[in-house]
Amino acid sequence: MFASIIIPTKNEEANIGRCLEAVFGQSTSFPFEVLVVDSGSQDRTLEVARRYPAHILEIAPSEFHHARTRNLGGTASSGEHLVFLSGDAIPANDRWLSALLKNFEDAAIAAVYGRQIPKPDATPERVFFVHHRYGTERVVRNASSNGVGKHVLHQFSNVNSAVRRTVWKQLPFPEDVNAYEDFSFAIQLAQHGHSIAYEPEAAVLHSHNYTLVRSFQQYFDSGVLYSRRQLWDGQQRDQIRADGLRYLRNEIRYLRRCRAGYRIPYVLCYEAARYFGLILGSHERLLPTALKRMVTSHRLFG
């Protein structure tokens, strides 16, 4: 088997049908298998998934863990390459899988992640974010890449990604933190001299609209991870602040150009929530556990 597509799901009734329809509609010259790992869906996710020739692995909701569940999918599959796809990510065309995996023709590439395209219901600021993060130019990064901060160097997204099985067996997704396993995985790869490719031709439809509270919580968890991975220092903080201010200026220009200037007051609050969540999370060791449990998005503290 050349590739195994691993799709974690929970209550994805609204998306899993379109996702699997697009996956099984891929035009490829190689065989692939599909494994749906469901963690206790209460809707019709499994009923819909069983209409397709996918293997289904069910786990209890309490067993779900962003890294461990993906490692479980890797163990339960047989493909030479492991493809990870979120249940709410819809391949944009029938060349998605081939475009993703063609990167492995380069022996230096250990992992690849693809482009995300905002869904029709995305708010203007989320459209800007997705287009900013997932551009149209192919990029290859490794530890020797110059001119980027660590928050850019280690960009990688399991919403739409692929990893060589040989690399994953040596460096599985780190299970010590139940969040941003893709970011931690990218750190591992860089430390071991591997390269990661970003492939814009391997595109999926995927986006989420976040509230101020949800955004604060997510970036709090990001700050926790930066601290625990020992990536948070004065230089990194200054780089993130400079990049953040540049991003905000470009975001405001974009909103004005697309006649969404009415969103600017909200966006200012939104970006402030993200920044202060990141700063607070980076100092999580100074905070009481009860407070950290209140503000974490991924239940990092039990």
Protein backbone atom coordinates (compact mmCIF):
# COMPACT_ATOMS: atom_id res chain seq x y z
CA MET A 1 0.00 0.00 0.00
CA PHE A 2 1.53 3.31 -1.08
CA ALA A 3 -0.51 5.62 1.18
CA SER A 4 -2.82 5.45 4.19
CA ILE A 5 -5.21 8.35 4.69
CA ILE A 6 -6.03 8.71 8.40
CA ILE A 7 -9.08 10.82 9.26
CA PRO A 8 -9.86 11.52 12.96
CA THR A 9 -13.55 12.31 13.49
CA LYS A 10 -16.04 13.25 16.16
CA ASN A 11 -19.52 14.50 15.29
CA GLU A 12 -18.60 15.34 11.70
CA GLU A 13 -21.95 14.39 10.16
CA ALA A 14 -22.06 17.69 8.28
CA ASN A 15 -18.67 17.17 6.65
CA ILE A 16 -17.55 13.55 6.55
CA GLY A 17 -19.63 12.62 3.52
CA ARG A 18 -18.15 15.38 1.37
CA CYS A 19 -14.71 14.61 2.75
CA LEU A 20 -14.83 10.91 1.89
CA GLU A 21 -16.50 11.56 -1.45
CA ALA A 22 -13.57 13.79 -2.41
CA VAL A 23 -11.00 11.36 -1.01
CA PHE A 24 -12.32 8.34 -2.90
CA GLY A 25 -12.65 10.50 -6.01
CA GLN A 26 -8.90 11.10 -6.17
CA SER A 27 -7.16 10.45 -9.47
CA THR A 28 -3.97 8.55 -8.61
CA SER A 29 -1.59 6.05 -10.16
CA PHE A 30 -1.04 4.30 -6.82
CA PRO A 31 -3.19 2.41 -4.30
CA PHE A 32 -4.29 3.95 -1.03
CA GLU A 33 -6.41 2.99 1.95
CA VAL A 34 -8.60 5.15 4.20
CA LEU A 35 -8.89 4.79 7.97
CA VAL A 36 -11.51 6.76 9.91
CA VAL A 37 -10.66 6.99 13.63
CA ASP A 38 -13.83 8.04 15.44
CA SER A 39 -13.80 9.10 19.09
CA GLY A 40 -17.41 8.65 20.15
CA SER A 41 -19.53 10.52 17.62
CA GLN A 42 -23.11 11.02 18.80
CA ASP A 43 -24.47 12.03 15.40
CA ARG A 44 -24.58 10.17 12.05
CA THR A 45 -20.84 10.41 11.36
CA LEU A 46 -20.28 6.64 11.43
CA GLU A 47 -23.46 5.90 9.50
CA VAL A 48 -22.27 8.17 6.70
CA ALA A 49 -18.69 6.88 6.83
CA ARG A 50 -19.85 3.28 6.43
CA ARG A 51 -21.26 4.14 3.01
CA TYR A 52 -17.67 4.32 1.76
CA PRO A 53 -14.95 1.62 1.57
CA ALA A 54 -13.08 3.04 4.56
CA HIS A 55 -11.77 1.09 7.53
CA ILE A 56 -13.33 2.39 10.75
CA LEU A 57 -11.62 2.34 14.11
CA GLU A 58 -13.70 3.41 17.11
CA ILE A 59 -12.19 4.67 20.35
CA ALA A 60 -13.80 6.07 23.49
CA PRO A 61 -14.01 9.86 23.79
CA SER A 62 -11.78 9.68 26.86
CA GLU A 63 -9.08 7.99 24.77
CA PHE A 64 -8.82 10.81 22.25
CA HIS A 65 -5.51 12.63 22.24
CA HIS A 66 -4.35 14.74 19.30
CA ALA A 67 -0.96 13.01 19.08
CA ARG A 68 -1.78 9.56 20.45
CA THR A 69 -4.82 9.12 18.21
CA ARG A 70 -2.81 9.93 15.10
CA ASN A 71 -0.06 7.57 16.23
CA LEU A 72 -2.75 4.93 16.70
CA GLY A 73 -3.93 5.53 13.15
CA GLY A 74 -0.39 5.12 11.90
CA THR A 75 0.00 1.83 13.75
CA ALA A 76 -3.34 0.52 12.46
CA SER A 77 -2.54 1.31 8.82
CA SER A 78 -0.07 -0.11 6.34
CA GLY A 79 0.81 2.63 3.85
CA GLU A 80 4.34 3.63 2.95
CA HIS A 81 3.21 7.22 3.52
CA LEU A 82 0.80 8.42 6.21
CA VAL A 83 -1.65 11.11 5.15
CA PHE A 84 -3.50 12.98 7.88
CA LEU A 85 -6.74 14.76 7.02
CA SER A 86 -9.26 16.41 9.34
CA GLY A 87 -12.83 15.19 9.02
CA ASP A 88 -14.00 18.71 8.18
CA ALA A 89 -11.33 19.30 5.50
CA ILE A 90 -12.55 18.74 1.95
CA PRO A 91 -9.99 18.06 -0.80
CA ALA A 92 -10.43 20.81 -3.38
CA ASN A 93 -9.96 18.61 -6.46
CA ASP A 94 -9.06 15.09 -7.60
CA ARG A 95 -5.32 15.87 -7.71
CA TRP A 96 -4.98 16.72 -4.03
CA LEU A 97 -3.43 13.42 -2.96
CA SER A 98 -1.02 13.14 -5.88
CA ALA A 99 0.11 16.76 -5.38
CA LEU A 100 0.74 16.11 -1.69
CA LEU A 101 2.72 12.90 -2.15
CA LYS A 102 4.78 13.92 -5.17
CA ASN A 103 6.96 15.86 -2.73
CA PHE A 104 8.42 12.58 -1.50
CA GLU A 105 10.23 12.21 -4.81
CA ASP A 106 12.78 14.41 -3.05
CA ALA A 107 14.54 12.16 -0.53
CA ALA A 108 15.27 15.14 1.74
CA ILE A 109 11.56 15.78 2.37
CA ALA A 110 10.32 13.99 5.51
CA ALA A 111 6.88 15.56 5.70
CA VAL A 112 4.62 17.83 3.69
CA TYR A 113 1.53 19.89 4.42
CA GLY A 114 -0.92 21.37 1.98
CA ARG A 115 -2.83 24.54 1.39
CA GLN A 116 -6.07 25.41 3.17
CA ILE A 117 -8.75 27.45 1.43
CA PRO A 118 -11.39 29.26 3.54
CA LYS A 119 -14.92 27.91 3.38
CA PRO A 120 -17.76 30.16 2.12
CA ASP A 121 -18.93 30.99 5.67
CA ALA A 122 -15.51 32.29 6.79
CA THR A 123 -15.50 35.80 8.25
CA PRO A 124 -13.31 38.39 6.47
CA GLU A 125 -10.58 38.23 9.10
CA ARG A 126 -10.46 34.43 8.90
CA VAL A 127 -10.26 34.62 5.12
CA PHE A 128 -7.25 36.90 5.51
CA PHE A 129 -5.65 34.61 8.09
CA VAL A 130 -6.01 31.48 5.95
CA HIS A 131 -4.70 33.19 2.82
CA HIS A 132 -1.82 34.68 4.82
CA ARG A 133 -0.84 31.38 6.44
CA TYR A 134 -1.39 29.19 3.39
CA GLY A 135 -0.14 31.02 0.33
CA THR A 136 0.32 30.04 -3.30
CA GLU A 137 4.10 29.53 -3.28
CA ARG A 138 5.73 26.18 -2.51
CA VAL A 139 8.23 26.38 0.35
CA VAL A 140 10.74 23.93 1.83
CA ARG A 141 12.07 24.61 5.34
CA ASN A 142 14.63 22.98 7.61
CA ALA A 143 16.88 23.98 10.50
CA SER A 144 19.20 25.88 8.15
CA SER A 145 16.43 28.12 6.77
CA ASN A 146 17.32 31.77 7.28
CA GLY A 147 15.25 34.86 7.91
CA VAL A 148 12.26 33.30 9.69
CA GLY A 149 11.30 33.04 13.34
CA LYS A 150 10.80 29.69 15.04
CA HIS A 151 7.04 30.18 14.90
CA VAL A 152 7.35 30.18 11.09
CA LEU A 153 10.16 27.62 10.78
CA HIS A 154 8.07 24.98 12.57
CA GLN A 155 4.80 25.60 10.75
CA PHE A 156 3.08 22.32 9.92
CA SER A 157 -0.61 21.38 9.96
CA ASN A 158 -2.16 17.95 10.37
CA VAL A 159 -5.39 19.29 8.91
CA ASN A 160 -3.82 18.32 5.57
CA SER A 161 -0.43 16.61 5.74
CA ALA A 162 1.67 13.58 4.88
CA VAL A 163 4.65 11.92 6.55
CA ARG A 164 7.00 9.16 5.47
CA ARG A 165 6.24 6.08 7.56
CA THR A 166 9.96 5.46 8.08
CA VAL A 167 10.32 8.92 9.61
CA TRP A 168 7.17 8.60 11.71
CA LYS A 169 8.35 5.27 13.16
CA GLN A 170 11.53 6.94 14.34
CA LEU A 171 9.85 10.19 15.40
CA PRO A 172 6.16 9.63 16.23
CA PHE A 173 3.98 12.57 17.22
CA PRO A 174 5.02 13.67 20.74
CA GLU A 175 2.37 12.62 23.26
CA ASP A 176 3.48 14.66 26.26
CA VAL A 177 1.16 17.58 25.39
CA ASN A 178 -2.39 17.12 24.07
CA ALA A 179 -2.25 20.05 21.65
CA TYR A 180 -0.44 21.18 18.52
CA GLU A 181 1.14 17.79 17.92
CA ASP A 182 1.94 18.95 14.39
CA PHE A 183 4.00 21.90 15.64
CA SER A 184 5.88 19.65 18.09
CA PHE A 185 6.45 17.12 15.33
CA ALA A 186 7.94 19.83 13.11
CA ILE A 187 10.34 20.78 15.92
CA GLN A 188 11.49 17.16 16.12
CA LEU A 189 12.08 17.00 12.38
CA ALA A 190 14.17 20.18 12.41
CA GLN A 191 16.23 18.90 15.32
CA HIS A 192 17.03 15.73 13.36
CA GLY A 193 17.95 17.55 10.16
CA HIS A 194 14.78 16.76 8.18
CA SER A 195 12.99 19.10 5.77
CA ILE A 196 9.29 19.96 5.60
CA ALA A 197 7.59 21.07 2.38
CA TYR A 198 4.54 23.27 2.01
CA GLU A 199 2.62 22.28 -1.13
CA PRO A 200 -0.03 24.78 -2.31
CA GLU A 201 -1.30 22.48 -5.07
CA ALA A 202 -2.53 20.01 -2.44
CA ALA A 203 -5.45 22.16 -1.31
CA VAL A 204 -8.42 21.48 0.96
CA LEU A 205 -11.41 23.58 1.98
CA HIS A 206 -11.06 24.24 5.69
CA SER A 207 -11.60 27.14 8.09
CA HIS A 208 -13.15 27.98 11.45
CA ASN A 209 -14.61 31.19 12.85
CA TYR A 210 -13.40 31.68 16.42
CA THR A 211 -14.83 33.81 19.20
CA LEU A 212 -12.62 36.11 21.26
CA VAL A 213 -12.67 33.66 24.16
CA ARG A 214 -11.85 30.66 22.00
CA SER A 215 -9.04 32.53 20.31
CA PHE A 216 -7.57 33.60 23.66
CA GLN A 217 -7.71 30.00 24.90
CA GLN A 218 -6.03 28.60 21.80
CA TYR A 219 -3.18 31.06 21.93
CA PHE A 220 -2.80 30.48 25.66
CA ASP A 221 -2.14 26.83 24.79
CA SER A 222 0.28 27.94 22.08
CA GLY A 223 2.18 29.95 24.68
CA VAL A 224 2.30 26.92 26.97
CA LEU A 225 3.76 24.85 24.16
CA TYR A 226 6.35 27.52 23.26
CA SER A 227 7.48 27.55 26.87
CA ARG A 228 7.63 23.78 27.27
CA ARG A 229 9.48 23.32 23.98
CA GLN A 230 11.98 25.97 25.14
CA LEU A 231 11.29 28.20 22.16
CA TRP A 232 10.27 31.27 24.14
CA ASP A 233 13.08 33.75 24.60
CA GLY A 234 13.57 37.47 24.13
CA GLN A 235 14.44 37.16 20.46
CA GLN A 236 11.45 34.97 19.70
CA ARG A 237 9.11 37.26 21.64
CA ASP A 238 10.37 40.30 19.74
CA GLN A 239 10.05 38.47 16.41
CA ILE A 240 6.46 37.45 17.15
CA ARG A 241 5.57 40.99 18.21
CA ALA A 242 7.08 42.49 15.04
CA ASP A 243 5.41 39.89 12.81
CA GLY A 244 2.12 40.38 14.65
CA LEU A 245 2.10 44.16 14.16
CA ARG A 246 2.95 43.73 10.47
CA TYR A 247 0.17 41.18 10.16
CA LEU A 248 -2.33 43.51 11.85
CA ARG A 249 -1.48 46.41 9.53
CA ASN A 250 -1.94 44.20 6.47
CA GLU A 251 -5.13 42.75 7.91
CA ILE A 252 -6.66 46.20 8.38
CA ARG A 253 -5.68 47.16 4.82
CA TYR A 254 -7.33 43.98 3.57
CA LEU A 255 -10.55 44.66 5.48
CA ARG A 256 -10.72 48.16 4.04
CA ARG A 257 -10.09 46.92 0.50
CA CYS A 258 -12.85 44.32 0.72
CA ARG A 259 -15.27 46.83 2.27
CA ALA A 260 -15.29 45.08 5.64
CA GLY A 261 -13.98 48.03 7.63
CA TYR A 262 -16.83 47.56 10.08
CA ARG A 263 -14.92 44.48 11.34
CA ILE A 264 -11.87 46.50 12.40
CA PRO A 265 -12.95 47.20 16.03
CA TYR A 266 -13.66 43.51 16.52
CA VAL A 267 -10.40 42.52 14.85
CA LEU A 268 -8.41 44.79 17.17
CA CYS A 269 -9.96 43.02 20.15
CA TYR A 270 -9.46 39.65 18.48
CA GLU A 271 -5.76 40.18 17.81
CA ALA A 272 -5.25 41.54 21.32
CA ALA A 273 -6.87 38.40 22.73
CA ARG A 274 -4.53 36.22 20.69
CA TYR A 275 -1.43 38.13 21.76
CA PHE A 276 -2.25 38.28 25.46
CA GLY A 277 -3.25 34.62 25.43
CA LEU A 278 0.16 33.77 23.99
CA ILE A 279 2.01 35.90 26.55
CA LEU A 280 0.02 34.47 29.47
CA GLY A 281 0.53 30.92 28.27
CA SER A 282 4.27 31.43 27.95
CA HIS A 283 4.28 32.19 31.70
CA GLU A 284 1.98 29.33 32.66
CA ARG A 285 4.41 28.02 35.29
CA LEU A 286 3.62 31.10 37.39
CA LEU A 287 -0.15 30.53 37.29
CA PRO A 288 -2.30 28.44 39.66
CA THR A 289 -3.56 25.16 38.19
CA ALA A 290 -7.21 26.13 38.73
CA LEU A 291 -6.78 29.20 36.54
CA LYS A 292 -4.94 27.25 33.85
CA ARG A 293 -7.74 24.70 33.72
CA MET A 294 -10.21 27.52 33.16
CA VAL A 295 -8.39 29.07 30.20
CA THR A 296 -6.92 26.09 28.34
CA SER A 297 -8.60 25.14 25.08
CA HIS A 298 -7.23 21.58 24.90
CA ARG A 299 -7.53 20.47 28.53
CA LEU A 300 -3.77 20.57 29.01
CA PHE A 301 -4.07 20.54 32.79
CA GLY A 302 -6.51 17.72 33.45
